[in-house]
Amino acid sequence: MHCYQKTYRQQIREVMKYSGKRIIFKHPVIAFKHVINTLKYKIMS
């Protein structure tokens, strides 16, 4: 959640609880790329 302002982070978390699970089945390649990018960001910071 690093790319959102602090005031919006909680709202984004609520949305991702719902949509995060569904994206795996609708667009698995996009979901996989997102996981890889997130891991790269965490390793670099």
Protein backbone atom coordinates (compact mmCIF):
# COMPACT_ATOMS: atom_id res chain seq x y z
CA MET A 1 0.00 0.00 0.00
CA HIS A 2 3.00 2.26 -0.45
CA CYS A 3 1.64 4.17 -3.43
CA TYR A 4 -1.37 5.72 -1.68
CA GLN A 5 -1.66 8.68 0.66
CA LYS A 6 -2.01 7.79 4.31
CA THR A 7 -5.61 8.98 4.37
CA TYR A 8 -6.63 6.51 1.66
CA ARG A 9 -4.72 3.42 2.80
CA GLN A 10 -7.49 2.00 4.98
CA GLN A 11 -10.02 2.43 2.19
CA ILE A 12 -7.71 0.67 -0.28
CA ARG A 13 -7.21 -2.21 2.17
CA GLU A 14 -10.98 -2.69 2.40
CA VAL A 15 -11.28 -2.78 -1.39
CA MET A 16 -8.38 -5.20 -1.76
CA LYS A 17 -9.93 -7.63 0.74
CA TYR A 18 -12.69 -8.14 -1.82
CA SER A 19 -10.97 -7.66 -5.16
CA GLY A 20 -7.60 -9.20 -4.34
CA LYS A 21 -9.04 -12.69 -4.11
CA ARG A 22 -11.10 -12.35 -7.30
CA ILE A 23 -8.27 -11.04 -9.50
CA ILE A 24 -6.41 -14.36 -9.18
CA PHE A 25 -9.17 -16.12 -11.12
CA LYS A 26 -10.03 -13.36 -13.59
CA HIS A 27 -6.48 -12.28 -14.52
CA PRO A 28 -3.88 -14.70 -13.09
CA VAL A 29 -0.96 -13.25 -15.11
CA ILE A 30 -1.64 -9.72 -13.87
CA ALA A 31 -1.97 -11.01 -10.30
CA PHE A 32 1.34 -12.88 -10.58
CA LYS A 33 3.13 -9.81 -11.95
CA HIS A 34 1.74 -7.74 -9.09
CA VAL A 35 3.09 -10.22 -6.52
CA ILE A 36 6.53 -10.16 -8.15
CA ASN A 37 6.61 -6.35 -8.24
CA THR A 38 5.51 -6.15 -4.61
CA LEU A 39 8.24 -8.55 -3.52
CA LYS A 40 10.86 -6.60 -5.49
CA TYR A 41 9.76 -3.38 -3.79
CA LYS A 42 9.97 -4.94 -0.33
CA ILE A 43 13.44 -6.34 -1.01
CA MET A 44 14.76 -3.02 -2.33
CA SER A 45 13.44 -0.94 0.57
